[in-house]
Amino acid sequence: MQWYDMFNGEQEPTEQQITDFIANPLWQELSDHLIRTYRIKPKKTYSRCSMGEGYWKGWNIKFQKSGKSLCTIYPKQGFFVAMVSFSAKEIDDADVLVQMCDNYTKEKYKNAKSSKLGKSVSFEVTNENILNDIKELAAFRTKSAKKVKIPTA
């Protein structure tokens, strides 16, 4: 059964229902890490997106810090998708960071299309290496939010 069939836009899933559907300990590890490390509360939102034959449709979980998205989670049966978006200003630094990631992460990042606004990359989190990459990418997103421009004389 598809995630969007289980919970329509009027029926928000509980945290336990999300955990039960994903049925993968990597989800709880990432969620706990983001909540604990960045002192943030995940926000559930409903997407009616029909792209990818409903791949993006349904409830998703956004992790944001100071209004900036660290990642958005899309529950799937047995795993989850973590989407990380990089602004155009972050791309050069993200290009360097990704070179230290798992081969899967490098390929997904390399193959994602860029625009003048930046780049959004979706990762199927199916193992510990990819999970660790998502944690690093989320940390990068929080640090880039704190960059302060130093005034020049």
N, C-alpha and C. Protein backbone atom coordinates (compact mmCIF):
# COMPACT_ATOMS: atom_id res chain seq x y z
N MET A 1 0.84 -1.18 0.00
CA MET A 1 0.00 0.00 0.00
C MET A 1 0.89 1.26 0.00
N GLN A 2 0.45 2.26 -0.75
CA GLN A 2 1.20 3.50 -0.83
C GLN A 2 0.93 4.36 0.41
N TRP A 3 1.92 5.15 0.77
CA TRP A 3 1.83 6.06 1.91
C TRP A 3 0.63 6.99 1.77
N TYR A 4 0.44 7.57 0.59
CA TYR A 4 -0.64 8.53 0.40
C TYR A 4 -2.02 7.88 0.45
N ASP A 5 -2.09 6.56 0.23
CA ASP A 5 -3.37 5.86 0.35
C ASP A 5 -3.75 5.66 1.83
N MET A 6 -2.76 5.55 2.67
CA MET A 6 -3.01 5.29 4.09
C MET A 6 -3.46 6.54 4.83
N PHE A 7 -2.89 7.69 4.44
CA PHE A 7 -3.17 8.94 5.14
C PHE A 7 -3.43 10.04 4.12
N ASN A 8 -4.69 10.43 3.99
CA ASN A 8 -5.00 11.50 3.05
C ASN A 8 -4.69 12.85 3.69
N GLY A 9 -4.94 13.91 2.98
CA GLY A 9 -4.62 15.25 3.46
C GLY A 9 -5.34 15.66 4.72
N GLU A 10 -6.45 15.00 5.02
CA GLU A 10 -7.24 15.32 6.22
C GLU A 10 -6.82 14.49 7.43
N GLN A 11 -6.07 13.42 7.18
CA GLN A 11 -5.71 12.49 8.25
C GLN A 11 -4.20 12.48 8.45
N GLU A 12 -3.72 13.32 9.37
CA GLU A 12 -2.28 13.43 9.63
C GLU A 12 -1.79 12.21 10.42
N PRO A 13 -0.72 11.57 9.96
CA PRO A 13 -0.20 10.40 10.68
C PRO A 13 0.50 10.81 11.98
N THR A 14 0.47 9.90 12.94
CA THR A 14 1.22 10.13 14.17
C THR A 14 2.69 9.77 13.94
N GLU A 15 3.54 10.17 14.87
CA GLU A 15 4.95 9.80 14.76
C GLU A 15 5.12 8.28 14.75
N GLN A 16 4.33 7.60 15.55
CA GLN A 16 4.42 6.14 15.60
C GLN A 16 3.99 5.51 14.29
N GLN A 17 2.96 6.05 13.65
CA GLN A 17 2.51 5.52 12.36
C GLN A 17 3.58 5.73 11.28
N ILE A 18 4.26 6.86 11.34
CA ILE A 18 5.35 7.12 10.40
C ILE A 18 6.47 6.09 10.63
N THR A 19 6.85 5.92 11.86
CA THR A 19 7.91 4.97 12.22
C THR A 19 7.53 3.55 11.82
N ASP A 20 6.30 3.17 12.06
CA ASP A 20 5.84 1.82 11.71
C ASP A 20 5.85 1.60 10.20
N PHE A 21 5.44 2.61 9.43
CA PHE A 21 5.40 2.47 7.98
C PHE A 21 6.80 2.36 7.40
N ILE A 22 7.70 3.24 7.85
CA ILE A 22 9.08 3.21 7.35
C ILE A 22 9.76 1.91 7.77
N ALA A 23 9.52 1.49 9.00
CA ALA A 23 10.03 0.21 9.52
C ALA A 23 11.52 0.04 9.28
N ASN A 24 12.28 1.08 9.58
CA ASN A 24 13.73 1.05 9.39
C ASN A 24 14.35 1.89 10.51
N PRO A 25 15.26 1.31 11.30
CA PRO A 25 15.84 2.05 12.42
C PRO A 25 16.63 3.30 12.00
N LEU A 26 17.00 3.38 10.74
CA LEU A 26 17.73 4.58 10.28
C LEU A 26 16.86 5.82 10.39
N TRP A 27 15.55 5.67 10.22
CA TRP A 27 14.64 6.80 10.33
C TRP A 27 14.67 7.38 11.74
N GLN A 28 14.53 6.52 12.73
CA GLN A 28 14.52 7.01 14.12
C GLN A 28 15.87 7.62 14.47
N GLU A 29 16.95 7.04 13.97
CA GLU A 29 18.28 7.58 14.24
C GLU A 29 18.43 8.99 13.66
N LEU A 30 17.97 9.19 12.43
CA LEU A 30 18.08 10.52 11.82
C LEU A 30 17.18 11.52 12.54
N SER A 31 15.94 11.14 12.78
CA SER A 31 15.00 12.03 13.45
C SER A 31 15.52 12.45 14.82
N ASP A 32 15.95 11.47 15.63
CA ASP A 32 16.49 11.78 16.95
C ASP A 32 17.71 12.68 16.86
N HIS A 33 18.58 12.41 15.91
CA HIS A 33 19.80 13.21 15.73
C HIS A 33 19.45 14.67 15.40
N LEU A 34 18.56 14.88 14.45
CA LEU A 34 18.22 16.25 14.06
C LEU A 34 17.51 17.00 15.18
N ILE A 35 16.60 16.35 15.86
CA ILE A 35 15.87 16.98 16.97
C ILE A 35 16.81 17.34 18.10
N ARG A 36 17.67 16.41 18.48
CA ARG A 36 18.57 16.60 19.60
C ARG A 36 19.69 17.60 19.27
N THR A 37 20.31 17.46 18.11
CA THR A 37 21.45 18.29 17.75
C THR A 37 21.06 19.74 17.50
N TYR A 38 19.94 19.95 16.81
CA TYR A 38 19.57 21.30 16.39
C TYR A 38 18.40 21.88 17.19
N ARG A 39 17.92 21.10 18.16
CA ARG A 39 16.81 21.53 19.01
C ARG A 39 15.64 22.05 18.17
N ILE A 40 15.22 21.20 17.26
CA ILE A 40 14.14 21.56 16.36
C ILE A 40 13.00 20.57 16.48
N LYS A 41 11.83 21.01 16.08
CA LYS A 41 10.66 20.14 16.08
C LYS A 41 10.27 19.90 14.64
N PRO A 42 10.17 18.64 14.23
CA PRO A 42 9.78 18.35 12.85
C PRO A 42 8.36 18.84 12.57
N LYS A 43 8.13 19.23 11.34
CA LYS A 43 6.82 19.73 10.93
C LYS A 43 6.28 18.84 9.81
N LYS A 44 5.06 18.34 9.99
CA LYS A 44 4.43 17.50 8.97
C LYS A 44 3.65 18.39 8.00
N THR A 45 3.84 18.13 6.72
CA THR A 45 3.08 18.84 5.70
C THR A 45 2.58 17.82 4.68
N TYR A 46 1.50 18.18 4.00
CA TYR A 46 0.92 17.28 3.02
C TYR A 46 1.20 17.80 1.62
N SER A 47 1.68 16.92 0.76
CA SER A 47 1.96 17.27 -0.64
C SER A 47 0.98 16.55 -1.55
N ARG A 48 0.41 17.29 -2.47
CA ARG A 48 -0.49 16.71 -3.46
C ARG A 48 0.24 16.46 -4.78
N CYS A 49 1.54 16.55 -4.77
CA CYS A 49 2.36 16.43 -5.98
C CYS A 49 2.09 15.10 -6.68
N SER A 50 1.82 15.18 -7.98
CA SER A 50 1.54 13.97 -8.73
C SER A 50 2.72 13.52 -9.59
N MET A 51 3.84 14.24 -9.49
CA MET A 51 5.03 13.85 -10.27
C MET A 51 5.51 12.47 -9.82
N GLY A 52 6.17 11.78 -10.74
CA GLY A 52 6.73 10.48 -10.41
C GLY A 52 5.68 9.46 -10.01
N GLU A 53 4.52 9.53 -10.63
CA GLU A 53 3.43 8.60 -10.34
C GLU A 53 3.08 8.56 -8.86
N GLY A 54 3.06 9.73 -8.23
CA GLY A 54 2.69 9.83 -6.83
C GLY A 54 3.84 9.61 -5.86
N TYR A 55 5.06 9.52 -6.35
CA TYR A 55 6.23 9.25 -5.48
C TYR A 55 6.35 10.31 -4.38
N TRP A 56 5.99 11.55 -4.67
CA TRP A 56 6.15 12.65 -3.73
C TRP A 56 4.86 13.00 -3.00
N LYS A 57 3.78 12.32 -3.34
CA LYS A 57 2.48 12.61 -2.77
C LYS A 57 2.37 12.09 -1.34
N GLY A 58 1.67 12.82 -0.50
CA GLY A 58 1.41 12.37 0.86
C GLY A 58 2.09 13.24 1.90
N TRP A 59 2.00 12.79 3.12
CA TRP A 59 2.60 13.51 4.24
C TRP A 59 4.11 13.38 4.20
N ASN A 60 4.80 14.49 4.45
CA ASN A 60 6.25 14.49 4.57
C ASN A 60 6.62 15.20 5.85
N ILE A 61 7.87 15.09 6.24
CA ILE A 61 8.34 15.65 7.51
C ILE A 61 9.48 16.60 7.21
N LYS A 62 9.30 17.86 7.58
CA LYS A 62 10.31 18.89 7.32
C LYS A 62 11.08 19.18 8.61
N PHE A 63 12.38 19.22 8.46
CA PHE A 63 13.25 19.62 9.55
C PHE A 63 13.85 20.97 9.17
N GLN A 64 13.50 22.01 9.94
CA GLN A 64 13.97 23.36 9.64
C GLN A 64 14.62 23.97 10.87
N LYS A 65 15.61 24.80 10.60
CA LYS A 65 16.30 25.55 11.66
C LYS A 65 16.33 27.00 11.22
N SER A 66 15.78 27.87 12.02
CA SER A 66 15.74 29.32 11.73
C SER A 66 15.14 29.57 10.34
N GLY A 67 14.09 28.84 10.01
CA GLY A 67 13.39 29.02 8.76
C GLY A 67 14.07 28.39 7.55
N LYS A 68 15.20 27.76 7.75
CA LYS A 68 15.95 27.15 6.64
C LYS A 68 15.79 25.64 6.71
N SER A 69 15.42 25.04 5.59
CA SER A 69 15.21 23.60 5.53
C SER A 69 16.54 22.86 5.61
N LEU A 70 16.64 21.92 6.56
CA LEU A 70 17.81 21.04 6.64
C LEU A 70 17.58 19.84 5.73
N CYS A 71 16.38 19.29 5.78
CA CYS A 71 15.99 18.20 4.89
C CYS A 71 14.50 17.95 5.04
N THR A 72 13.93 17.33 4.04
CA THR A 72 12.53 16.93 4.07
C THR A 72 12.49 15.42 3.85
N ILE A 73 11.73 14.74 4.67
CA ILE A 73 11.66 13.28 4.65
C ILE A 73 10.34 12.84 4.02
N TYR A 74 10.46 11.89 3.09
CA TYR A 74 9.30 11.29 2.43
C TYR A 74 9.28 9.81 2.82
N PRO A 75 8.30 9.39 3.63
CA PRO A 75 8.23 7.99 4.06
C PRO A 75 7.96 7.03 2.89
N LYS A 76 8.68 5.95 2.89
CA LYS A 76 8.49 4.86 1.94
C LYS A 76 8.47 3.57 2.75
N GLN A 77 7.94 2.51 2.19
CA GLN A 77 7.87 1.26 2.93
C GLN A 77 9.25 0.61 2.99
N GLY A 78 9.82 0.55 4.20
CA GLY A 78 11.12 -0.07 4.42
C GLY A 78 12.31 0.88 4.35
N PHE A 79 12.08 2.13 3.94
CA PHE A 79 13.15 3.14 3.89
C PHE A 79 12.49 4.50 3.83
N PHE A 80 13.29 5.54 3.66
CA PHE A 80 12.73 6.88 3.48
C PHE A 80 13.62 7.65 2.52
N VAL A 81 13.05 8.69 1.96
CA VAL A 81 13.78 9.57 1.05
C VAL A 81 14.04 10.87 1.80
N ALA A 82 15.29 11.31 1.77
CA ALA A 82 15.66 12.59 2.37
C ALA A 82 16.02 13.55 1.25
N MET A 83 15.27 14.63 1.13
CA MET A 83 15.57 15.63 0.12
C MET A 83 16.30 16.80 0.80
N VAL A 84 17.44 17.13 0.22
CA VAL A 84 18.24 18.25 0.72
C VAL A 84 18.36 19.25 -0.42
N SER A 85 18.05 20.51 -0.12
CA SER A 85 18.13 21.57 -1.13
C SER A 85 19.27 22.51 -0.79
N PHE A 86 20.00 22.88 -1.82
CA PHE A 86 21.13 23.79 -1.68
C PHE A 86 20.84 25.06 -2.48
N SER A 87 21.08 26.21 -1.88
CA SER A 87 20.89 27.45 -2.61
C SER A 87 22.02 27.62 -3.61
N ALA A 88 21.85 28.51 -4.55
CA ALA A 88 22.88 28.77 -5.56
C ALA A 88 24.19 29.20 -4.89
N LYS A 89 24.09 29.92 -3.78
CA LYS A 89 25.29 30.39 -3.07
C LYS A 89 26.03 29.24 -2.37
N GLU A 90 25.34 28.15 -2.11
CA GLU A 90 25.94 27.02 -1.39
C GLU A 90 26.56 25.98 -2.32
N ILE A 91 26.25 26.02 -3.59
CA ILE A 91 26.63 24.96 -4.52
C ILE A 91 28.13 24.68 -4.52
N ASP A 92 28.97 25.71 -4.62
CA ASP A 92 30.41 25.48 -4.68
C ASP A 92 30.92 24.74 -3.45
N ASP A 93 30.46 25.15 -2.26
CA ASP A 93 30.87 24.47 -1.03
C ASP A 93 30.28 23.07 -0.95
N ALA A 94 29.04 22.92 -1.39
CA ALA A 94 28.41 21.60 -1.38
C ALA A 94 29.14 20.65 -2.33
N ASP A 95 29.58 21.16 -3.47
CA ASP A 95 30.35 20.33 -4.42
C ASP A 95 31.56 19.71 -3.74
N VAL A 96 32.22 20.47 -2.91
CA VAL A 96 33.43 20.00 -2.20
C VAL A 96 33.03 18.98 -1.12
N LEU A 97 32.03 19.32 -0.33
CA LEU A 97 31.59 18.43 0.75
C LEU A 97 31.17 17.06 0.23
N VAL A 98 30.42 17.05 -0.85
CA VAL A 98 29.89 15.79 -1.40
C VAL A 98 31.01 14.85 -1.85
N GLN A 99 32.16 15.38 -2.19
CA GLN A 99 33.27 14.52 -2.62
C GLN A 99 33.75 13.60 -1.50
N MET A 100 33.41 13.91 -0.25
CA MET A 100 33.79 13.07 0.89
C MET A 100 32.69 12.07 1.26
N CYS A 101 31.62 12.04 0.49
CA CYS A 101 30.46 11.18 0.79
C CYS A 101 30.55 9.83 0.09
N ASP A 102 29.59 8.98 0.43
CA ASP A 102 29.43 7.67 -0.18
C ASP A 102 29.23 7.83 -1.70
N ASN A 103 29.63 6.82 -2.46
CA ASN A 103 29.51 6.88 -3.92
C ASN A 103 28.06 7.12 -4.37
N TYR A 104 27.11 6.50 -3.69
CA TYR A 104 25.70 6.71 -4.02
C TYR A 104 25.34 8.19 -3.89
N THR A 105 25.75 8.80 -2.80
CA THR A 105 25.45 10.22 -2.55
C THR A 105 26.11 11.09 -3.60
N LYS A 106 27.35 10.79 -3.94
CA LYS A 106 28.05 11.55 -4.99
C LYS A 106 27.30 11.48 -6.31
N GLU A 107 26.87 10.29 -6.69
CA GLU A 107 26.17 10.11 -7.97
C GLU A 107 24.83 10.85 -7.99
N LYS A 108 24.07 10.72 -6.92
CA LYS A 108 22.77 11.40 -6.85
C LYS A 108 22.96 12.91 -6.95
N TYR A 109 23.96 13.42 -6.25
CA TYR A 109 24.24 14.86 -6.27
C TYR A 109 24.69 15.30 -7.66
N LYS A 110 25.60 14.55 -8.24
CA LYS A 110 26.13 14.88 -9.57
C LYS A 110 25.02 14.87 -10.62
N ASN A 111 24.09 13.93 -10.54
CA ASN A 111 23.04 13.79 -11.55
C ASN A 111 21.84 14.70 -11.33
N ALA A 112 21.77 15.36 -10.18
CA ALA A 112 20.65 16.27 -9.92
C ALA A 112 20.83 17.55 -10.74
N LYS A 113 19.74 18.03 -11.28
CA LYS A 113 19.80 19.23 -12.10
C LYS A 113 19.91 20.47 -11.22
N SER A 114 20.73 21.42 -11.68
CA SER A 114 20.87 22.71 -11.00
C SER A 114 20.05 23.75 -11.74
N SER A 115 19.66 24.77 -11.03
CA SER A 115 18.99 25.91 -11.65
C SER A 115 19.64 27.17 -11.08
N LYS A 116 19.16 28.30 -11.50
CA LYS A 116 19.72 29.55 -10.98
C LYS A 116 19.39 29.70 -9.49
N LEU A 117 18.42 28.93 -8.99
CA LEU A 117 18.07 28.98 -7.58
C LEU A 117 18.89 28.01 -6.73
N GLY A 118 19.47 27.01 -7.35
CA GLY A 118 20.26 26.03 -6.61
C GLY A 118 20.03 24.62 -7.09
N LYS A 119 19.98 23.69 -6.14
CA LYS A 119 19.86 22.28 -6.49
C LYS A 119 19.18 21.54 -5.35
N SER A 120 18.20 20.71 -5.70
CA SER A 120 17.56 19.83 -4.72
C SER A 120 17.90 18.40 -5.08
N VAL A 121 18.31 17.64 -4.07
CA VAL A 121 18.74 16.27 -4.30
C VAL A 121 17.98 15.35 -3.35
N SER A 122 17.46 14.26 -3.89
CA SER A 122 16.72 13.29 -3.09
C SER A 122 17.53 12.01 -2.96
N PHE A 123 17.69 11.56 -1.73
CA PHE A 123 18.49 10.38 -1.42
C PHE A 123 17.61 9.32 -0.78
N GLU A 124 17.63 8.11 -1.31
CA GLU A 124 16.95 6.99 -0.68
C GLU A 124 17.87 6.48 0.43
N VAL A 125 17.45 6.69 1.66
CA VAL A 125 18.28 6.32 2.81
C VAL A 125 18.02 4.86 3.14
N THR A 126 18.98 4.04 2.74
CA THR A 126 18.84 2.58 2.89
C THR A 126 19.97 1.95 3.67
N ASN A 127 20.99 2.74 4.02
CA ASN A 127 22.09 2.18 4.81
C ASN A 127 22.75 3.28 5.64
N GLU A 128 23.61 2.85 6.54
CA GLU A 128 24.27 3.74 7.50
C GLU A 128 25.15 4.79 6.81
N ASN A 129 25.81 4.43 5.71
CA ASN A 129 26.67 5.39 5.01
C ASN A 129 25.86 6.56 4.46
N ILE A 130 24.73 6.27 3.85
CA ILE A 130 23.89 7.33 3.31
C ILE A 130 23.30 8.16 4.45
N LEU A 131 22.91 7.50 5.54
CA LEU A 131 22.40 8.21 6.71
C LEU A 131 23.43 9.21 7.22
N ASN A 132 24.68 8.77 7.33
CA ASN A 132 25.74 9.67 7.80
C ASN A 132 25.95 10.84 6.85
N ASP A 133 25.82 10.59 5.55
CA ASP A 133 25.92 11.67 4.57
C ASP A 133 24.81 12.70 4.78
N ILE A 134 23.60 12.24 5.03
CA ILE A 134 22.47 13.15 5.26
C ILE A 134 22.72 13.99 6.51
N LYS A 135 23.26 13.38 7.54
CA LYS A 135 23.59 14.14 8.75
C LYS A 135 24.61 15.23 8.44
N GLU A 136 25.62 14.90 7.64
CA GLU A 136 26.65 15.89 7.26
C GLU A 136 26.06 17.00 6.39
N LEU A 137 25.20 16.63 5.46
CA LEU A 137 24.58 17.64 4.60
C LEU A 137 23.67 18.56 5.40
N ALA A 138 22.96 18.02 6.38
CA ALA A 138 22.12 18.84 7.24
C ALA A 138 22.98 19.79 8.07
N ALA A 139 24.11 19.30 8.56
CA ALA A 139 25.03 20.16 9.32
C ALA A 139 25.55 21.29 8.43
N PHE A 140 25.87 20.96 7.20
CA PHE A 140 26.32 21.97 6.24
C PHE A 140 25.24 23.03 6.05
N ARG A 141 23.99 22.61 5.94
CA ARG A 141 22.89 23.56 5.75
C ARG A 141 22.75 24.50 6.95
N THR A 142 22.96 23.98 8.16
CA THR A 142 22.85 24.86 9.34
C THR A 142 24.01 25.84 9.38
N LYS A 143 25.20 25.38 9.02
CA LYS A 143 26.36 26.28 9.03
C LYS A 143 26.24 27.36 7.97
N SER A 144 25.70 27.01 6.82
CA SER A 144 25.58 28.02 5.76
C SER A 144 24.54 29.07 6.15
N ALA A 145 23.62 28.71 7.03
CA ALA A 145 22.62 29.68 7.49
C ALA A 145 23.26 30.71 8.42
N LYS A 146 24.37 30.33 9.04
CA LYS A 146 25.01 31.21 10.02
C LYS A 146 26.08 32.10 9.41
N LYS A 147 26.40 31.89 8.13
CA LYS A 147 27.44 32.71 7.52
C LYS A 147 27.04 34.17 7.59
N VAL A 148 27.96 34.97 8.04
CA VAL A 148 27.72 36.40 8.16
C VAL A 148 28.65 37.13 7.23
N LYS A 149 28.11 38.06 6.49
CA LYS A 149 28.95 38.85 5.61
C LYS A 149 29.68 39.89 6.43
N ILE A 150 30.99 39.94 6.23
CA ILE A 150 31.81 40.91 6.95
C ILE A 150 31.87 42.19 6.12
N PRO A 151 31.45 43.30 6.70
CA PRO A 151 31.46 44.54 5.92
C PRO A 151 32.88 44.94 5.55
N THR A 152 33.02 45.43 4.35
CA THR A 152 34.33 45.91 3.91
C THR A 152 34.38 47.42 4.07
N ALA A 153 35.56 47.91 4.29
CA ALA A 153 35.73 49.35 4.53
C ALA A 153 35.59 50.16 3.28
